C-alpha cells in the first residue's frame, strides 16, 4: 500500500479532530488547502508527540495568546479526541497563571467561553 500524501494525512487528522465541523471554517481555497496539507498533514502528523499531546499544546498556546475563536475550535477538537474537560480546565489555570496576573483577566474568561462552546451543551462533559 502506498504511503499517504500530506493532504491525505491532513484530511484524516482534521476529520478526527473536528468531525462533522471539518471544513466549516470559511477560508480561501488555497489557504485552506495549504493549512490542511502543511499544518495537519506535515506538522500534526509528525512522530514524537501523540495527537492528544499536540492538541493540548495547541490549546495551551491559544489560551496564552487569548485567541478565543481558535480556542472554541481546538477545545472541541480536544474533547473529540477524548481529552477530559477537567484536564482542559487545569490547562487553562496553569497557562493563565504562567502568562501573568494582568493577562489572566483577559485569558480565563475567553478560555472558559471556548471550553463552554464545545458543541456538547452545558452539562458536565468529563
C-alpha atoms as a PDB file:
ATOM      1  CA  UNK A   1       0.000   0.000   0.000  1.00  0.00           C
ATOM      2  CA  UNK A   2       1.311   3.452  -0.902  1.00  0.00           C
ATOM      3  CA  UNK A   3       2.218   5.913   1.822  1.00  0.00           C
ATOM      4  CA  UNK A   4      -0.352   8.649   2.406  1.00  0.00           C
ATOM      5  CA  UNK A   5       0.307  12.087   0.994  1.00  0.00           C
ATOM      6  CA  UNK A   6       0.462  15.059   3.361  1.00  0.00           C
ATOM      7  CA  UNK A   7      -3.000  16.095   2.137  1.00  0.00           C
ATOM      8  CA  UNK A   8      -4.456  12.652   2.904  1.00  0.00           C
ATOM      9  CA  UNK A   9      -2.849  12.636   6.366  1.00  0.00           C
ATOM     10  CA  UNK A  10      -4.084  16.186   6.954  1.00  0.00           C
ATOM     11  CA  UNK A  11      -7.654  15.380   5.977  1.00  0.00           C
ATOM     12  CA  UNK A  12      -7.669  12.342   8.295  1.00  0.00           C
ATOM     13  CA  UNK A  13      -6.404  14.401  11.235  1.00  0.00           C
ATOM     14  CA  UNK A  14      -8.843  17.263  10.602  1.00  0.00           C
ATOM     15  CA  UNK A  15     -11.742  14.792  10.487  1.00  0.00           C
ATOM     16  CA  UNK A  16     -10.569  13.130  13.703  1.00  0.00           C
ATOM     17  CA  UNK A  17     -10.274  16.474  15.471  1.00  0.00           C
ATOM     18  CA  UNK A  18     -13.308  18.288  14.159  1.00  0.00           C
ATOM     19  CA  UNK A  19     -15.659  15.586  12.877  1.00  0.00           C
ATOM     20  CA  UNK A  20     -18.692  16.985  11.118  1.00  0.00           C
ATOM     21  CA  UNK A  21     -17.407  20.537  11.689  1.00  0.00           C
ATOM     22  CA  UNK A  22     -14.359  19.844   9.490  1.00  0.00           C
ATOM     23  CA  UNK A  23     -14.207  22.316   6.645  1.00  0.00           C
ATOM     24  CA  UNK A  24     -16.703  24.618   8.324  1.00  0.00           C
ATOM     25  CA  UNK A  25     -14.241  27.495   8.622  1.00  0.00           C
ATOM     26  CA  UNK A  26     -14.544  29.806   5.634  1.00  0.00           C
ATOM     27  CA  UNK A  27     -11.004  30.079   4.278  1.00  0.00           C
ATOM     28  CA  UNK A  28      -9.869  30.958   0.783  1.00  0.00           C
ATOM     29  CA  UNK A  29      -9.420  27.688  -1.135  1.00  0.00           C
ATOM     30  CA  UNK A  30      -5.632  27.847  -1.460  1.00  0.00           C
ATOM     31  CA  UNK A  31      -5.154  28.887   2.153  1.00  0.00           C
ATOM     32  CA  UNK A  32      -7.408  26.052   3.365  1.00  0.00           C
ATOM     33  CA  UNK A  33      -5.572  23.519   1.216  1.00  0.00           C
ATOM     34  CA  UNK A  34      -2.177  24.710   2.444  1.00  0.00           C
ATOM     35  CA  UNK A  35      -3.362  24.627   6.063  1.00  0.00           C
ATOM     36  CA  UNK A  36      -4.671  21.063   5.810  1.00  0.00           C
ATOM     37  CA  UNK A  37      -1.672  19.844   3.844  1.00  0.00           C
ATOM     38  CA  UNK A  38       1.091  21.537   5.813  1.00  0.00           C
ATOM     39  CA  UNK A  39      -0.189  22.210   9.330  1.00  0.00           C
ATOM     40  CA  UNK A  40      -2.121  18.971   9.755  1.00  0.00           C
ATOM     41  CA  UNK A  41      -0.541  16.730   7.100  1.00  0.00           C
ATOM     42  CA  UNK A  42       3.093  17.601   7.833  1.00  0.00           C
ATOM     43  CA  UNK A  43       3.274  19.111  11.335  1.00  0.00           C
ATOM     44  CA  UNK A  44       0.470  17.407  13.303  1.00  0.00           C
ATOM     45  CA  UNK A  45       1.297  14.007  11.792  1.00  0.00           C
ATOM     46  CA  UNK A  46       4.967  14.025  12.800  1.00  0.00           C
ATOM     47  CA  UNK A  47       6.229  11.287  15.111  1.00  0.00           C
ATOM     48  CA  UNK A  48       7.279  12.278  18.607  1.00  0.00           C
ATOM     49  CA  UNK A  49       4.000  13.569  20.024  1.00  0.00           C
ATOM     50  CA  UNK A  50       0.650  11.823  20.110  1.00  0.00           C
ATOM     51  CA  UNK A  51      -2.282  13.638  18.544  1.00  0.00           C
ATOM     52  CA  UNK A  52      -3.706  14.265  22.028  1.00  0.00           C
ATOM     53  CA  UNK A  53      -0.411  15.867  23.130  1.00  0.00           C
ATOM     54  CA  UNK A  54      -0.378  18.110  20.075  1.00  0.00           C
ATOM     55  CA  UNK A  55      -3.957  19.086  20.814  1.00  0.00           C
ATOM     56  CA  UNK A  56      -3.103  20.037  24.417  1.00  0.00           C
ATOM     57  CA  UNK A  57      -0.072  22.026  23.259  1.00  0.00           C
ATOM     58  CA  UNK A  58      -2.238  23.863  20.736  1.00  0.00           C
ATOM     59  CA  UNK A  59      -4.897  24.641  23.342  1.00  0.00           C
ATOM     60  CA  UNK A  60      -2.200  25.949  25.713  1.00  0.00           C
ATOM     61  CA  UNK A  61      -0.791  28.294  23.070  1.00  0.00           C
ATOM     62  CA  UNK A  62      -4.244  29.569  22.168  1.00  0.00           C
ATOM     63  CA  UNK A  63      -5.015  30.317  25.825  1.00  0.00           C
ATOM     64  CA  UNK A  64      -1.659  32.083  26.211  1.00  0.00           C
ATOM     65  CA  UNK A  65      -2.397  34.201  23.145  1.00  0.00           C
ATOM     66  CA  UNK A  66      -6.045  34.771  24.191  1.00  0.00           C
ATOM     67  CA  UNK A  67      -7.229  33.563  20.761  1.00  0.00           C
ATOM     68  CA  UNK A  68     -10.892  32.976  21.610  1.00  0.00           C
ATOM     69  CA  UNK A  69     -12.200  31.905  18.198  1.00  0.00           C
ATOM     70  CA  UNK A  70      -9.458  29.333  17.694  1.00  0.00           C
ATOM     71  CA  UNK A  71      -9.903  28.118  21.287  1.00  0.00           C
ATOM     72  CA  UNK A  72     -13.504  27.177  20.561  1.00  0.00           C
ATOM     73  CA  UNK A  73     -12.431  25.074  17.613  1.00  0.00           C
ATOM     74  CA  UNK A  74      -9.467  23.408  19.304  1.00  0.00           C
ATOM     75  CA  UNK A  75     -11.189  22.784  22.653  1.00  0.00           C
ATOM     76  CA  UNK A  76     -13.883  20.975  20.679  1.00  0.00           C
ATOM     77  CA  UNK A  77     -11.145  19.033  18.880  1.00  0.00           C
ATOM     78  CA  UNK A  78      -9.527  18.107  22.193  1.00  0.00           C
ATOM     79  CA  UNK A  79     -12.852  16.841  23.528  1.00  0.00           C
ATOM     80  CA  UNK A  80     -13.362  14.848  20.301  1.00  0.00           C
ATOM     81  CA  UNK A  81     -10.012  13.155  20.993  1.00  0.00           C
ATOM     82  CA  UNK A  82     -11.257  12.138  24.445  1.00  0.00           C
ATOM     83  CA  UNK A  83      -9.353  14.725  26.475  1.00  0.00           C
ATOM     84  CA  UNK A  84     -11.411  15.255  29.638  1.00  0.00           C
ATOM     85  CA  UNK A  85     -12.909  18.636  30.412  1.00  0.00           C
ATOM     86  CA  UNK A  86     -11.135  18.623  33.803  1.00  0.00           C
ATOM     87  CA  UNK A  87      -7.751  18.363  32.060  1.00  0.00           C
ATOM     88  CA  UNK A  88      -8.599  21.314  29.799  1.00  0.00           C
ATOM     89  CA  UNK A  89      -9.711  23.358  32.804  1.00  0.00           C
ATOM     90  CA  UNK A  90      -6.418  22.570  34.553  1.00  0.00           C
ATOM     91  CA  UNK A  91      -4.551  23.601  31.410  1.00  0.00           C
ATOM     92  CA  UNK A  92      -6.402  26.955  31.410  1.00  0.00           C
ATOM     93  CA  UNK A  93      -5.490  27.544  35.074  1.00  0.00           C
ATOM     94  CA  UNK A  94      -1.849  26.606  34.550  1.00  0.00           C
ATOM     95  CA  UNK A  95      -1.330  28.687  31.407  1.00  0.00           C
ATOM     96  CA  UNK A  96      -3.230  31.728  32.655  1.00  0.00           C
ATOM     97  CA  UNK A  97      -1.043  31.899  35.765  1.00  0.00           C
ATOM     98  CA  UNK A  98       2.149  31.486  33.780  1.00  0.00           C
ATOM     99  CA  UNK A  99       1.106  34.339  31.489  1.00  0.00           C
ATOM    100  CA  UNK A 100       0.815  36.758  34.415  1.00  0.00           C
ATOM    101  CA  UNK A 101      -1.877  38.176  36.600  1.00  0.00           C
ATOM    102  CA  UNK A 102      -2.780  41.093  34.343  1.00  0.00           C
ATOM    103  CA  UNK A 103      -3.332  38.898  31.311  1.00  0.00           C
ATOM    104  CA  UNK A 104      -5.288  36.317  33.287  1.00  0.00           C
ATOM    105  CA  UNK A 105      -8.283  38.672  33.485  1.00  0.00           C
ATOM    106  CA  UNK A 106      -8.414  38.540  29.697  1.00  0.00           C
ATOM    107  CA  UNK A 107      -7.383  34.912  29.116  1.00  0.00           C
ATOM    108  CA  UNK A 108      -9.548  32.998  31.608  1.00  0.00           C
ATOM    109  CA  UNK A 109     -12.963  34.350  30.524  1.00  0.00           C
ATOM    110  CA  UNK A 110     -12.065  33.804  26.873  1.00  0.00           C
ATOM    111  CA  UNK A 111     -10.813  30.294  27.533  1.00  0.00           C
ATOM    112  CA  UNK A 112     -13.919  29.462  29.589  1.00  0.00           C
ATOM    113  CA  UNK A 113     -16.130  30.644  26.706  1.00  0.00           C
ATOM    114  CA  UNK A 114     -14.098  28.491  24.341  1.00  0.00           C
ATOM    115  CA  UNK A 115     -14.487  25.481  26.593  1.00  0.00           C
ATOM    116  CA  UNK A 116     -18.224  26.038  27.081  1.00  0.00           C
ATOM    117  CA  UNK A 117     -18.807  26.289  23.344  1.00  0.00           C
ATOM    118  CA  UNK A 118     -17.587  22.780  22.570  1.00  0.00           C
ATOM    119  CA  UNK A 119     -20.771  21.715  20.806  1.00  0.00           C
ATOM    120  CA  UNK A 120     -21.866  19.344  23.563  1.00  0.00           C
ATOM    121  CA  UNK A 121     -24.082  21.591  25.670  1.00  0.00           C
ATOM    122  CA  UNK A 122     -23.509  22.955  29.158  1.00  0.00           C
ATOM    123  CA  UNK A 123     -23.702  19.651  31.048  1.00  0.00           C
ATOM    124  CA  UNK A 124     -20.636  18.113  32.639  1.00  0.00           C
ATOM    125  CA  UNK A 125     -18.547  16.718  29.801  1.00  0.00           C
ATOM    126  CA  UNK A 126     -15.956  14.751  31.771  1.00  0.00           C
END
